[in-house]
Amino acid sequence: MVVLAKGELEQIALPAAHAPPADVRAIDLSATGPDRAAAARALVAACEEQGFFRVTGHGVPPELVRAAEAAAARFFALPQPDKEAAAGTPLGYASKRIGSGGDLGWIEYLLLCLAPTGAAPAASSTLPCATSATPSCPLREFLGEYSAAVRRVACGVLELMAEGLGVGPTDSLARLVAREDSDSILRVNHYPPRPELGGGGPNLTGFGEHTDPQIISVLRSNGAPGLEISLRDGSWASVPHDGDGDSFFVNVGDTLQVLTNGRFRSVKHRVVVNSEKSRVSMIFFGGPPPGERLAPLPALLGDGGRSRYREFTWKEYKGSGCKGRLADDRLCRFEN
């Protein structure tokens, strides 16, 4: 379980304020005909206004989602030495420390590189079985199948997005995530219940405010509260619980902001721990191939063809933020 020293606990404390709920658009990926055109327009509007929305009609079987969530919960319930055995993988288990910039959070997590097809985590061969009672169903198998399904969701979103933007062909964005050499990651976060701090105490930072560097992020959680997004006026709004239980939340990443020449917003978000219920979230980060050269799409260059960003590779951009803090503005280094 996450253990923090007194000084560390003080670093992640937040004022005990409650953000009002955000109005999150719902986009139906299964829409056809005129309804699909309307869905594409709504998706573009959501990316321009908030950089955040939820998708229905995605085709991922609910039983697969529940199985992956249950396997993840079983993993995080393992004794600490068993979980830490996964820390020796290239990308594996860790707790409280997020990145190398000194950020702390009330969190433990698995961070897994995905195989080219999304069929299995590349570092999963050393991960322990999710439960000794079912050795034939290791965590890696559930997460591998889940990752492949959610990658398809990400590609479906990007295809609908290309239609709404009119940048055809429809795979002009999706191909960056679908390619065999794409750099995609699955992150599984566990936020334990807030510890007893006396007198109610402050909320805690589960994951500090940040934007995602990739093209697109597809999120699923177990329904516990805590996720908040930053609105255009700088205020924070909480993301309401998914009412039907089968939606995925999607947010625009830095790379997509670049590709759209700033038309879409890479949304700043955070997780606040203020609940007695554990929060488990699984996030698919769809990134482009390392050597992919990134710049605004020509069809989206407004203002006389002026590009807001200089061309760079995904490897260059990813490396630029490795040693920074979560809240750093990475994109400003690549602006023209």
C-alpha atoms as a PDB file:
ATOM      1  CA  MET A   1       0.000   0.000   0.000  1.00  0.00           C
ATOM      2  CA  VAL A   2       1.099   3.586  -0.514  1.00  0.00           C
ATOM      3  CA  VAL A   3       3.094   4.860   2.460  1.00  0.00           C
ATOM      4  CA  LEU A   4       4.042   8.511   2.758  1.00  0.00           C
ATOM      5  CA  ALA A   5       6.258  10.258   5.279  1.00  0.00           C
ATOM      6  CA  LYS A   6       4.876  13.342   7.031  1.00  0.00           C
ATOM      7  CA  GLY A   7       6.721  15.754   4.734  1.00  0.00           C
ATOM      8  CA  GLU A   8       5.526  13.906   1.658  1.00  0.00           C
ATOM      9  CA  LEU A   9       1.948  13.966   2.923  1.00  0.00           C
ATOM     10  CA  GLU A  10       2.137  17.731   3.305  1.00  0.00           C
ATOM     11  CA  GLN A  11       3.349  18.043  -0.300  1.00  0.00           C
ATOM     12  CA  ILE A  12       0.263  16.337  -1.736  1.00  0.00           C
ATOM     13  CA  ALA A  13      -2.393  17.930   0.483  1.00  0.00           C
ATOM     14  CA  LEU A  14      -4.980  20.107  -1.276  1.00  0.00           C
ATOM     15  CA  PRO A  15      -7.622  22.470   0.086  1.00  0.00           C
ATOM     16  CA  ALA A  16     -10.798  20.546   0.898  1.00  0.00           C
ATOM     17  CA  ALA A  17     -12.873  22.234  -1.815  1.00  0.00           C
ATOM     18  CA  HIS A  18     -15.329  20.527  -4.127  1.00  0.00           C
ATOM     19  CA  ALA A  19     -15.294  21.326  -7.847  1.00  0.00           C
ATOM     20  CA  PRO A  20     -18.695  21.652  -9.553  1.00  0.00           C
ATOM     21  CA  PRO A  21     -19.535  18.942 -12.107  1.00  0.00           C
ATOM     22  CA  ALA A  22     -18.497  19.403 -15.720  1.00  0.00           C
ATOM     23  CA  ASP A  23     -20.955  19.164 -18.601  1.00  0.00           C
ATOM     24  CA  VAL A  24     -19.310  16.373 -20.619  1.00  0.00           C
ATOM     25  CA  ARG A  25     -20.528  15.716 -24.172  1.00  0.00           C
ATOM     26  CA  ALA A  26     -21.420  12.131 -25.161  1.00  0.00           C
ATOM     27  CA  ILE A  27     -20.461  10.934 -28.651  1.00  0.00           C
ATOM     28  CA  ASP A  28     -22.000   7.800 -30.190  1.00  0.00           C
ATOM     29  CA  LEU A  29     -19.341   5.991 -32.238  1.00  0.00           C
ATOM     30  CA  SER A  30     -21.918   3.606 -33.693  1.00  0.00           C
ATOM     31  CA  ALA A  31     -23.917   6.375 -35.384  1.00  0.00           C
ATOM     32  CA  THR A  32     -24.515   6.028 -39.126  1.00  0.00           C
ATOM     33  CA  GLY A  33     -25.752   8.220 -41.967  1.00  0.00           C
ATOM     34  CA  PRO A  34     -26.851  11.734 -40.953  1.00  0.00           C
ATOM     35  CA  ASP A  35     -26.425  10.791 -37.291  1.00  0.00           C
ATOM     36  CA  ARG A  36     -22.747  10.025 -37.922  1.00  0.00           C
ATOM     37  CA  ALA A  37     -22.198  13.427 -39.486  1.00  0.00           C
ATOM     38  CA  ALA A  38     -23.844  15.023 -36.444  1.00  0.00           C
ATOM     39  CA  ALA A  39     -21.665  12.919 -34.121  1.00  0.00           C
ATOM     40  CA  ALA A  40     -18.545  14.044 -35.993  1.00  0.00           C
ATOM     41  CA  ARG A  41     -19.534  17.702 -35.594  1.00  0.00           C
ATOM     42  CA  ALA A  42     -20.258  17.189 -31.890  1.00  0.00           C
ATOM     43  CA  LEU A  43     -16.884  15.509 -31.401  1.00  0.00           C
ATOM     44  CA  VAL A  44     -15.051  18.407 -33.033  1.00  0.00           C
ATOM     45  CA  ALA A  45     -16.969  20.873 -30.858  1.00  0.00           C
ATOM     46  CA  ALA A  46     -16.062  18.908 -27.710  1.00  0.00           C
ATOM     47  CA  CYS A  47     -12.377  18.948 -28.667  1.00  0.00           C
ATOM     48  CA  GLU A  48     -12.490  22.689 -29.269  1.00  0.00           C
ATOM     49  CA  GLU A  49     -14.411  23.551 -26.105  1.00  0.00           C
ATOM     50  CA  GLN A  50     -12.985  21.214 -23.458  1.00  0.00           C
ATOM     51  CA  GLY A  51     -10.661  18.733 -25.096  1.00  0.00           C
ATOM     52  CA  PHE A  52     -12.639  16.098 -23.209  1.00  0.00           C
ATOM     53  CA  PHE A  53     -15.715  13.956 -23.926  1.00  0.00           C
ATOM     54  CA  ARG A  54     -17.113  10.463 -23.478  1.00  0.00           C
ATOM     55  CA  VAL A  55     -17.933   7.867 -26.106  1.00  0.00           C
ATOM     56  CA  THR A  56     -20.723   5.309 -26.297  1.00  0.00           C
ATOM     57  CA  GLY A  57     -21.405   2.709 -28.981  1.00  0.00           C
ATOM     58  CA  HIS A  58     -17.732   1.709 -28.910  1.00  0.00           C
ATOM     59  CA  GLY A  59     -18.237  -2.047 -29.190  1.00  0.00           C
ATOM     60  CA  VAL A  60     -16.034  -3.126 -26.269  1.00  0.00           C
ATOM     61  CA  PRO A  61     -17.783  -5.998 -24.434  1.00  0.00           C
ATOM     62  CA  PRO A  62     -18.741  -4.961 -20.877  1.00  0.00           C
ATOM     63  CA  GLU A  63     -17.580  -8.340 -19.576  1.00  0.00           C
ATOM     64  CA  LEU A  64     -14.060  -7.665 -20.884  1.00  0.00           C
ATOM     65  CA  VAL A  65     -13.963  -4.312 -19.107  1.00  0.00           C
ATOM     66  CA  ARG A  66     -15.210  -5.840 -15.848  1.00  0.00           C
ATOM     67  CA  ALA A  67     -12.702  -8.690 -16.070  1.00  0.00           C
ATOM     68  CA  ALA A  68      -9.780  -6.305 -16.639  1.00  0.00           C
ATOM     69  CA  GLU A  69     -10.896  -4.063 -13.770  1.00  0.00           C
ATOM     70  CA  ALA A  70     -11.273  -7.042 -11.437  1.00  0.00           C
ATOM     71  CA  ALA A  71      -7.848  -8.410 -12.385  1.00  0.00           C
ATOM     72  CA  ALA A  72      -6.274  -5.013 -11.744  1.00  0.00           C
ATOM     73  CA  ALA A  73      -7.997  -4.739  -8.356  1.00  0.00           C
ATOM     74  CA  ARG A  74      -6.704  -8.192  -7.405  1.00  0.00           C
ATOM     75  CA  PHE A  75      -3.188  -7.194  -8.384  1.00  0.00           C
ATOM     76  CA  PHE A  76      -3.234  -4.078  -6.210  1.00  0.00           C
ATOM     77  CA  ALA A  77      -4.586  -6.151  -3.299  1.00  0.00           C
ATOM     78  CA  LEU A  78      -1.470  -8.367  -3.378  1.00  0.00           C
ATOM     79  CA  PRO A  79       1.153  -8.069  -0.620  1.00  0.00           C
ATOM     80  CA  GLN A  80       3.554  -5.214  -1.279  1.00  0.00           C
ATOM     81  CA  PRO A  81       6.595  -7.455  -1.985  1.00  0.00           C
ATOM     82  CA  ASP A  82       4.630  -9.292  -4.679  1.00  0.00           C
ATOM     83  CA  LYS A  83       3.675  -6.039  -6.362  1.00  0.00           C
ATOM     84  CA  GLU A  84       7.194  -4.670  -6.151  1.00  0.00           C
ATOM     85  CA  ALA A  85       8.460  -7.768  -7.960  1.00  0.00           C
ATOM     86  CA  ALA A  86       7.026  -6.145 -11.090  1.00  0.00           C
ATOM     87  CA  ALA A  87       9.177  -3.039 -10.591  1.00  0.00           C
ATOM     88  CA  GLY A  88      12.146  -4.641 -12.324  1.00  0.00           C
ATOM     89  CA  THR A  89      10.406  -4.661 -15.683  1.00  0.00           C
ATOM     90  CA  PRO A  90      11.254  -1.905 -18.211  1.00  0.00           C
ATOM     91  CA  LEU A  91       7.949  -0.293 -17.275  1.00  0.00           C
ATOM     92  CA  GLY A  92       6.247  -1.871 -14.294  1.00  0.00           C
ATOM     93  CA  TYR A  93       4.919  -1.227 -10.801  1.00  0.00           C
ATOM     94  CA  ALA A  94       5.627   1.913  -8.796  1.00  0.00           C
ATOM     95  CA  SER A  95       3.963   3.988  -6.106  1.00  0.00           C
ATOM     96  CA  LYS A  96       3.708   7.608  -4.926  1.00  0.00           C
ATOM     97  CA  ARG A  97       6.480   8.974  -7.183  1.00  0.00           C
ATOM     98  CA  ILE A  98       5.276  10.108 -10.614  1.00  0.00           C
ATOM     99  CA  GLY A  99       8.041  10.611 -13.145  1.00  0.00           C
ATOM    100  CA  SER A 100      11.523  11.869 -12.326  1.00  0.00           C
ATOM    101  CA  GLY A 101      10.670  15.516 -11.638  1.00  0.00           C
ATOM    102  CA  GLY A 102       9.777  15.071  -7.967  1.00  0.00           C
ATOM    103  CA  ASP A 103       5.986  14.885  -8.225  1.00  0.00           C
ATOM    104  CA  LEU A 104       4.232  12.849  -5.541  1.00  0.00           C
ATOM    105  CA  GLY A 105       0.735  11.411  -5.383  1.00  0.00           C
ATOM    106  CA  TRP A 106      -1.494   9.156  -3.302  1.00  0.00           C
ATOM    107  CA  ILE A 107      -1.205   6.476  -5.956  1.00  0.00           C
ATOM    108  CA  GLU A 108       0.265   3.164  -7.001  1.00  0.00           C
ATOM    109  CA  TYR A 109       0.338   2.107 -10.619  1.00  0.00           C
ATOM    110  CA  LEU A 110       1.366  -0.218 -13.405  1.00  0.00           C
ATOM    111  CA  LEU A 111       2.826   1.313 -16.543  1.00  0.00           C
ATOM    112  CA  LEU A 112       3.049  -1.073 -19.474  1.00  0.00           C
ATOM    113  CA  CYS A 113       4.469  -0.700 -22.975  1.00  0.00           C
ATOM    114  CA  LEU A 114       2.203  -2.334 -25.513  1.00  0.00           C
ATOM    115  CA  ALA A 115       3.187  -4.735 -28.240  1.00  0.00           C
ATOM    116  CA  PRO A 116       2.675  -3.365 -31.778  1.00  0.00           C
ATOM    117  CA  THR A 117      -0.793  -4.869 -32.122  1.00  0.00           C
ATOM    118  CA  GLY A 118      -1.827  -3.961 -28.579  1.00  0.00           C
ATOM    119  CA  ALA A 119      -2.317  -7.676 -27.963  1.00  0.00           C
ATOM    120  CA  ALA A 120      -0.024  -7.940 -24.947  1.00  0.00           C
ATOM    121  CA  PRO A 121       2.083  -5.706 -22.711  1.00  0.00           C
ATOM    122  CA  ALA A 122       5.717  -5.958 -23.786  1.00  0.00           C
ATOM    123  CA  ALA A 123       6.956  -5.981 -20.202  1.00  0.00           C
ATOM    124  CA  SER A 124       4.344  -8.370 -18.850  1.00  0.00           C
ATOM    125  CA  SER A 125       6.321 -11.603 -18.824  1.00  0.00           C
ATOM    126  CA  THR A 126       7.534 -10.916 -15.286  1.00  0.00           C
ATOM    127  CA  LEU A 127       4.251  -9.653 -13.890  1.00  0.00           C
ATOM    128  CA  PRO A 128       2.799 -11.883 -11.188  1.00  0.00           C
ATOM    129  CA  CYS A 129      -0.500 -13.628 -11.675  1.00  0.00           C
ATOM    130  CA  ALA A 130      -3.380 -11.466 -10.530  1.00  0.00           C
ATOM    131  CA  THR A 131      -4.480 -14.160  -8.106  1.00  0.00           C
ATOM    132  CA  SER A 132      -2.940 -17.452  -7.098  1.00  0.00           C
ATOM    133  CA  ALA A 133      -6.380 -19.034  -7.178  1.00  0.00           C
ATOM    134  CA  THR A 134      -6.569 -18.654 -10.956  1.00  0.00           C
ATOM    135  CA  PRO A 135      -3.032 -19.118 -12.314  1.00  0.00           C
ATOM    136  CA  SER A 136      -4.337 -19.618 -15.840  1.00  0.00           C
ATOM    137  CA  CYS A 137      -5.696 -16.051 -15.917  1.00  0.00           C
ATOM    138  CA  PRO A 138      -2.734 -13.734 -15.272  1.00  0.00           C
ATOM    139  CA  LEU A 139      -3.170 -10.005 -15.252  1.00  0.00           C
ATOM    140  CA  ARG A 140      -1.227  -9.626 -18.485  1.00  0.00           C
ATOM    141  CA  GLU A 141      -3.808 -11.642 -20.441  1.00  0.00           C
ATOM    142  CA  PHE A 142      -6.726  -9.500 -19.300  1.00  0.00           C
ATOM    143  CA  LEU A 143      -4.875  -6.260 -19.895  1.00  0.00           C
ATOM    144  CA  GLY A 144      -3.558  -7.433 -23.249  1.00  0.00           C
ATOM    145  CA  GLU A 145      -7.022  -8.200 -24.588  1.00  0.00           C
ATOM    146  CA  TYR A 146      -8.374  -4.998 -23.068  1.00  0.00           C
ATOM    147  CA  SER A 147      -5.590  -2.917 -24.650  1.00  0.00           C
ATOM    148  CA  ALA A 148      -6.300  -4.312 -28.112  1.00  0.00           C
ATOM    149  CA  ALA A 149      -9.996  -3.476 -27.778  1.00  0.00           C
ATOM    150  CA  VAL A 150      -9.388   0.062 -26.514  1.00  0.00           C
ATOM    151  CA  ARG A 151      -6.823   0.752 -29.239  1.00  0.00           C
ATOM    152  CA  ARG A 152      -9.634   0.079 -31.715  1.00  0.00           C
ATOM    153  CA  VAL A 153     -11.800   2.586 -29.840  1.00  0.00           C
ATOM    154  CA  ALA A 154      -9.041   5.188 -30.099  1.00  0.00           C
ATOM    155  CA  CYS A 155      -8.744   4.595 -33.841  1.00  0.00           C
ATOM    156  CA  GLY A 156     -12.530   4.836 -34.241  1.00  0.00           C
ATOM    157  CA  VAL A 157     -12.544   8.171 -32.430  1.00  0.00           C
ATOM    158  CA  LEU A 158      -9.731   9.506 -34.619  1.00  0.00           C
ATOM    159  CA  GLU A 159     -11.501   8.380 -37.802  1.00  0.00           C
ATOM    160  CA  LEU A 160     -14.686  10.177 -36.768  1.00  0.00           C
ATOM    161  CA  MET A 161     -12.587  13.186 -35.832  1.00  0.00           C
ATOM    162  CA  ALA A 162     -10.980  13.281 -39.299  1.00  0.00           C
ATOM    163  CA  GLU A 163     -14.461  13.224 -40.831  1.00  0.00           C
ATOM    164  CA  GLY A 164     -15.571  16.123 -38.667  1.00  0.00           C
ATOM    165  CA  LEU A 165     -12.471  18.138 -39.532  1.00  0.00           C
ATOM    166  CA  GLY A 166     -12.687  17.304 -43.212  1.00  0.00           C
ATOM    167  CA  VAL A 167      -9.009  16.359 -43.416  1.00  0.00           C
ATOM    168  CA  GLY A 168      -9.535  13.003 -45.234  1.00  0.00           C
ATOM    169  CA  PRO A 169      -8.695  10.313 -45.797  1.00  0.00           C
ATOM    170  CA  THR A 170     -10.451   9.177 -42.647  1.00  0.00           C
ATOM    171  CA  ASP A 171      -7.362   7.318 -41.412  1.00  0.00           C
ATOM    172  CA  SER A 172      -5.144  10.411 -41.597  1.00  0.00           C
ATOM    173  CA  LEU A 173      -5.092  10.576 -37.783  1.00  0.00           C
ATOM    174  CA  ALA A 174      -5.933   6.999 -36.825  1.00  0.00           C
ATOM    175  CA  ARG A 175      -2.976   5.541 -38.749  1.00  0.00           C
ATOM    176  CA  LEU A 176      -0.576   7.145 -36.262  1.00  0.00           C
ATOM    177  CA  VAL A 177      -2.010   4.979 -33.474  1.00  0.00           C
ATOM    178  CA  ALA A 178      -2.791   1.922 -35.608  1.00  0.00           C
ATOM    179  CA  ARG A 179       0.670   1.532 -37.133  1.00  0.00           C
ATOM    180  CA  GLU A 180       2.751  -1.400 -35.934  1.00  0.00           C
ATOM    181  CA  ASP A 181       5.514   0.875 -34.673  1.00  0.00           C
ATOM    182  CA  SER A 182       3.235   3.246 -32.782  1.00  0.00           C
ATOM    183  CA  ASP A 183       4.326   4.151 -29.259  1.00  0.00           C
ATOM    184  CA  SER A 184       1.320   3.359 -27.070  1.00  0.00           C
ATOM    185  CA  ILE A 185       1.105   2.698 -23.347  1.00  0.00           C
ATOM    186  CA  LEU A 186      -1.456   1.286 -20.940  1.00  0.00           C
ATOM    187  CA  ARG A 187      -1.418   2.780 -17.470  1.00  0.00           C
ATOM    188  CA  VAL A 188      -3.376   1.232 -14.599  1.00  0.00           C
ATOM    189  CA  ASN A 189      -3.721   3.545 -11.594  1.00  0.00           C
ATOM    190  CA  HIS A 190      -4.907   2.668  -8.102  1.00  0.00           C
ATOM    191  CA  TYR A 191      -5.828   5.458  -5.698  1.00  0.00           C
ATOM    192  CA  PRO A 192      -6.405   3.968  -2.220  1.00  0.00           C
ATOM    193  CA  PRO A 193      -9.018   5.565   0.031  1.00  0.00           C
ATOM    194  CA  ARG A 194      -7.873   8.794   1.633  1.00  0.00           C
ATOM    195  CA  PRO A 195      -6.064   8.104   4.915  1.00  0.00           C
ATOM    196  CA  GLU A 196      -7.533   9.397   8.152  1.00  0.00           C
ATOM    197  CA  LEU A 197      -5.951  12.811   8.687  1.00  0.00           C
ATOM    198  CA  GLY A 198      -8.042  13.996  11.598  1.00  0.00           C
ATOM    199  CA  GLY A 199     -10.884  16.471  11.439  1.00  0.00           C
ATOM    200  CA  GLY A 200     -11.692  15.588   7.861  1.00  0.00           C
ATOM    201  CA  GLY A 201      -8.394  17.048   6.702  1.00  0.00           C
ATOM    202  CA  PRO A 202      -7.568  18.218   3.200  1.00  0.00           C
ATOM    203  CA  ASN A 203      -8.013  16.316  -0.004  1.00  0.00           C
ATOM    204  CA  LEU A 204      -4.916  14.656  -1.383  1.00  0.00           C
ATOM    205  CA  THR A 205      -3.332  14.864  -4.804  1.00  0.00           C
ATOM    206  CA  GLY A 206      -3.713  11.495  -6.454  1.00  0.00           C
ATOM    207  CA  PHE A 207      -2.187  12.607  -9.752  1.00  0.00           C
ATOM    208  CA  GLY A 208      -1.158  16.244 -10.122  1.00  0.00           C
ATOM    209  CA  GLU A 209      -2.395  18.590 -12.835  1.00  0.00           C
ATOM    210  CA  HIS A 210      -0.948  17.874 -16.271  1.00  0.00           C
ATOM    211  CA  THR A 211      -1.712  17.385 -19.940  1.00  0.00           C
ATOM    212  CA  ASP A 212      -1.059  14.117 -21.766  1.00  0.00           C
ATOM    213  CA  PRO A 213       1.732  14.322 -24.370  1.00  0.00           C
ATOM    214  CA  GLN A 214       0.292  11.679 -26.730  1.00  0.00           C
ATOM    215  CA  ILE A 215      -2.346  12.074 -29.460  1.00  0.00           C
ATOM    216  CA  ILE A 216      -5.299  10.721 -27.531  1.00  0.00           C
ATOM    217  CA  SER A 217      -6.077   9.114 -24.171  1.00  0.00           C
ATOM    218  CA  VAL A 218      -8.938   6.683 -23.553  1.00  0.00           C
ATOM    219  CA  LEU A 219      -9.913   6.306 -19.900  1.00  0.00           C
ATOM    220  CA  ARG A 220     -12.042   3.892 -17.960  1.00  0.00           C
ATOM    221  CA  SER A 221     -12.494   3.929 -14.168  1.00  0.00           C
ATOM    222  CA  ASN A 222     -14.445   1.923 -11.625  1.00  0.00           C
ATOM    223  CA  GLY A 223     -16.799   4.811 -10.860  1.00  0.00           C
ATOM    224  CA  ALA A 224     -15.065   6.279  -7.807  1.00  0.00           C
ATOM    225  CA  PRO A 225     -14.891  10.092  -7.883  1.00  0.00           C
ATOM    226  CA  GLY A 226     -11.751  12.184  -8.184  1.00  0.00           C
ATOM    227  CA  LEU A 227     -11.068  13.080 -11.825  1.00  0.00           C
ATOM    228  CA  GLU A 228     -11.180  16.825 -12.537  1.00  0.00           C
ATOM    229  CA  ILE A 229     -10.580  18.843 -15.700  1.00  0.00           C
ATOM    230  CA  SER A 230      -9.525  22.452 -16.100  1.00  0.00           C
ATOM    231  CA  LEU A 231     -11.998  24.678 -17.929  1.00  0.00           C
ATOM    232  CA  ARG A 232     -11.052  27.530 -20.237  1.00  0.00           C
ATOM    233  CA  ASP A 233     -11.380  30.080 -17.433  1.00  0.00           C
ATOM    234  CA  GLY A 234      -8.868  28.138 -15.322  1.00  0.00           C
ATOM    235  CA  SER A 235     -11.419  26.768 -12.861  1.00  0.00           C
ATOM    236  CA  TRP A 236     -11.633  23.058 -12.071  1.00  0.00           C
ATOM    237  CA  ALA A 237     -14.686  20.883 -12.726  1.00  0.00           C
ATOM    238  CA  SER A 238     -15.270  17.333 -11.537  1.00  0.00           C
ATOM    239  CA  VAL A 239     -16.054  14.622 -14.075  1.00  0.00           C
ATOM    240  CA  PRO A 240     -19.411  13.035 -13.179  1.00  0.00           C
ATOM    241  CA  HIS A 241     -19.651   9.306 -12.729  1.00  0.00           C
ATOM    242  CA  ASP A 242     -20.504   7.441 -15.922  1.00  0.00           C
ATOM    243  CA  GLY A 243     -24.212   6.835 -15.549  1.00  0.00           C
ATOM    244  CA  ASP A 244     -24.609   3.814 -17.830  1.00  0.00           C
ATOM    245  CA  GLY A 245     -21.329   2.269 -16.754  1.00  0.00           C
ATOM    246  CA  ASP A 246     -20.144   1.426 -20.266  1.00  0.00           C
ATOM    247  CA  SER A 247     -18.706   4.685 -21.590  1.00  0.00           C
ATOM    248  CA  PHE A 248     -15.069   5.591 -22.095  1.00  0.00           C
ATOM    249  CA  PHE A 249     -13.758   9.077 -21.432  1.00  0.00           C
ATOM    250  CA  VAL A 250     -11.436  10.546 -24.044  1.00  0.00           C
ATOM    251  CA  ASN A 251      -9.142  13.526 -23.858  1.00  0.00           C
ATOM    252  CA  VAL A 252      -7.075  15.428 -26.395  1.00  0.00           C
ATOM    253  CA  GLY A 253      -3.312  15.167 -25.948  1.00  0.00           C
ATOM    254  CA  ASP A 254      -0.532  17.626 -26.733  1.00  0.00           C
ATOM    255  CA  THR A 255       0.287  15.956 -30.047  1.00  0.00           C
ATOM    256  CA  LEU A 256      -3.289  16.308 -31.284  1.00  0.00           C
ATOM    257  CA  GLN A 257      -3.227  19.975 -30.324  1.00  0.00           C
ATOM    258  CA  VAL A 258      -0.174  20.342 -32.555  1.00  0.00           C
ATOM    259  CA  LEU A 259      -1.707  18.380 -35.438  1.00  0.00           C
ATOM    260  CA  THR A 260      -4.777  20.651 -35.360  1.00  0.00           C
ATOM    261  CA  ASN A 261      -2.594  23.784 -35.097  1.00  0.00           C
ATOM    262  CA  GLY A 262      -4.079  24.615 -31.711  1.00  0.00           C
ATOM    263  CA  ARG A 263      -7.696  24.257 -32.790  1.00  0.00           C
ATOM    264  CA  PHE A 264      -8.151  21.378 -30.347  1.00  0.00           C
ATOM    265  CA  ARG A 265      -7.300  21.805 -26.695  1.00  0.00           C
ATOM    266  CA  SER A 266      -4.973  19.482 -24.806  1.00  0.00           C
ATOM    267  CA  VAL A 267      -6.947  19.435 -21.590  1.00  0.00           C
ATOM    268  CA  LYS A 268      -5.252  19.884 -18.241  1.00  0.00           C
ATOM    269  CA  HIS A 269      -6.557  17.365 -15.693  1.00  0.00           C
ATOM    270  CA  ARG A 270      -5.822  15.891 -12.270  1.00  0.00           C
ATOM    271  CA  VAL A 271      -7.081  13.316  -9.782  1.00  0.00           C
ATOM    272  CA  VAL A 272      -8.070  14.372  -6.273  1.00  0.00           C
ATOM    273  CA  VAL A 273      -8.428  11.733  -3.553  1.00  0.00           C
ATOM    274  CA  ASN A 274     -11.330  12.586  -1.265  1.00  0.00           C
ATOM    275  CA  SER A 275     -13.226   9.327  -1.110  1.00  0.00           C
ATOM    276  CA  GLU A 276     -13.499   6.306   1.139  1.00  0.00           C
ATOM    277  CA  LYS A 277     -13.692   4.162  -1.989  1.00  0.00           C
ATOM    278  CA  SER A 278     -10.639   2.980  -3.927  1.00  0.00           C
ATOM    279  CA  ARG A 279     -10.364   4.341  -7.454  1.00  0.00           C
ATOM    280  CA  VAL A 280      -8.947   2.124 -10.199  1.00  0.00           C
ATOM    281  CA  SER A 281      -8.510   3.622 -13.644  1.00  0.00           C
ATOM    282  CA  MET A 282      -7.104   2.175 -16.869  1.00  0.00           C
ATOM    283  CA  ILE A 283      -5.813   4.625 -19.462  1.00  0.00           C
ATOM    284  CA  PHE A 284      -4.741   3.827 -23.010  1.00  0.00           C
ATOM    285  CA  PHE A 285      -2.328   6.449 -24.334  1.00  0.00           C
ATOM    286  CA  GLY A 286      -2.230   6.407 -28.128  1.00  0.00           C
ATOM    287  CA  GLY A 287       1.084   7.763 -29.311  1.00  0.00           C
ATOM    288  CA  PRO A 288       2.665   7.997 -32.765  1.00  0.00           C
ATOM    289  CA  PRO A 289       5.771   6.076 -33.893  1.00  0.00           C
ATOM    290  CA  PRO A 290       8.992   7.453 -32.315  1.00  0.00           C
ATOM    291  CA  GLY A 291      10.383   8.741 -35.600  1.00  0.00           C
ATOM    292  CA  GLU A 292       7.121  10.269 -36.832  1.00  0.00           C
ATOM    293  CA  ARG A 293       7.564  13.905 -37.829  1.00  0.00           C
ATOM    294  CA  LEU A 294       4.802  15.985 -36.294  1.00  0.00           C
ATOM    295  CA  ALA A 295       3.475  19.344 -37.443  1.00  0.00           C
ATOM    296  CA  PRO A 296       0.052  20.930 -38.045  1.00  0.00           C
ATOM    297  CA  LEU A 297      -1.907  19.254 -40.820  1.00  0.00           C
ATOM    298  CA  PRO A 298      -1.786  21.439 -43.949  1.00  0.00           C
ATOM    299  CA  ALA A 299      -5.585  21.381 -44.252  1.00  0.00           C
ATOM    300  CA  LEU A 300      -5.875  23.001 -40.821  1.00  0.00           C
ATOM    301  CA  LEU A 301      -3.420  25.858 -41.290  1.00  0.00           C
ATOM    302  CA  GLY A 302      -5.449  29.002 -40.861  1.00  0.00           C
ATOM    303  CA  ASP A 303      -4.316  32.641 -40.676  1.00  0.00           C
ATOM    304  CA  GLY A 304      -2.694  32.583 -44.100  1.00  0.00           C
ATOM    305  CA  GLY A 305      -1.042  29.203 -43.599  1.00  0.00           C
ATOM    306  CA  ARG A 306       0.818  30.142 -40.423  1.00  0.00           C
ATOM    307  CA  SER A 307       1.951  27.172 -38.322  1.00  0.00           C
ATOM    308  CA  ARG A 308       1.892  27.713 -34.561  1.00  0.00           C
ATOM    309  CA  TYR A 309       4.366  24.873 -33.996  1.00  0.00           C
ATOM    310  CA  ARG A 310       7.662  23.847 -35.524  1.00  0.00           C
ATOM    311  CA  GLU A 311       8.102  20.323 -36.836  1.00  0.00           C
ATOM    312  CA  PHE A 312       9.523  17.725 -34.437  1.00  0.00           C
ATOM    313  CA  THR A 313       9.559  13.970 -33.906  1.00  0.00           C
ATOM    314  CA  TRP A 314       7.568  12.176 -31.253  1.00  0.00           C
ATOM    315  CA  LYS A 315      10.838  10.878 -29.764  1.00  0.00           C
ATOM    316  CA  GLU A 316      12.097  14.446 -29.469  1.00  0.00           C
ATOM    317  CA  TYR A 317       8.908  15.699 -27.838  1.00  0.00           C
ATOM    318  CA  LYS A 318       8.593  12.756 -25.466  1.00  0.00           C
ATOM    319  CA  GLY A 319      12.203  13.158 -24.354  1.00  0.00           C
ATOM    320  CA  SER A 320      11.806  16.873 -23.745  1.00  0.00           C
ATOM    321  CA  GLY A 321       9.371  16.312 -20.892  1.00  0.00           C
ATOM    322  CA  CYS A 322      10.937  13.317 -19.172  1.00  0.00           C
ATOM    323  CA  LYS A 323      12.729  15.299 -16.471  1.00  0.00           C
ATOM    324  CA  GLY A 324      10.193  18.068 -15.997  1.00  0.00           C
ATOM    325  CA  ARG A 325       7.356  18.478 -13.533  1.00  0.00           C
ATOM    326  CA  LEU A 326       3.835  17.333 -14.300  1.00  0.00           C
ATOM    327  CA  ALA A 327       2.421  20.844 -14.580  1.00  0.00           C
ATOM    328  CA  ASP A 328       5.134  22.120 -16.948  1.00  0.00           C
ATOM    329  CA  ASP A 329       4.045  23.543 -20.299  1.00  0.00           C
ATOM    330  CA  ARG A 330       5.935  21.277 -22.698  1.00  0.00           C
ATOM    331  CA  LEU A 331       4.416  22.656 -25.901  1.00  0.00           C
ATOM    332  CA  CYS A 332       5.772  26.170 -25.397  1.00  0.00           C
ATOM    333  CA  ARG A 333       9.255  24.888 -26.329  1.00  0.00           C
ATOM    334  CA  PHE A 334       7.983  23.908 -29.773  1.00  0.00           C
ATOM    335  CA  GLU A 335       6.017  27.016 -30.672  1.00  0.00           C
ATOM    336  CA  ASN A 336       7.033  29.190 -33.610  1.00  0.00           C
END
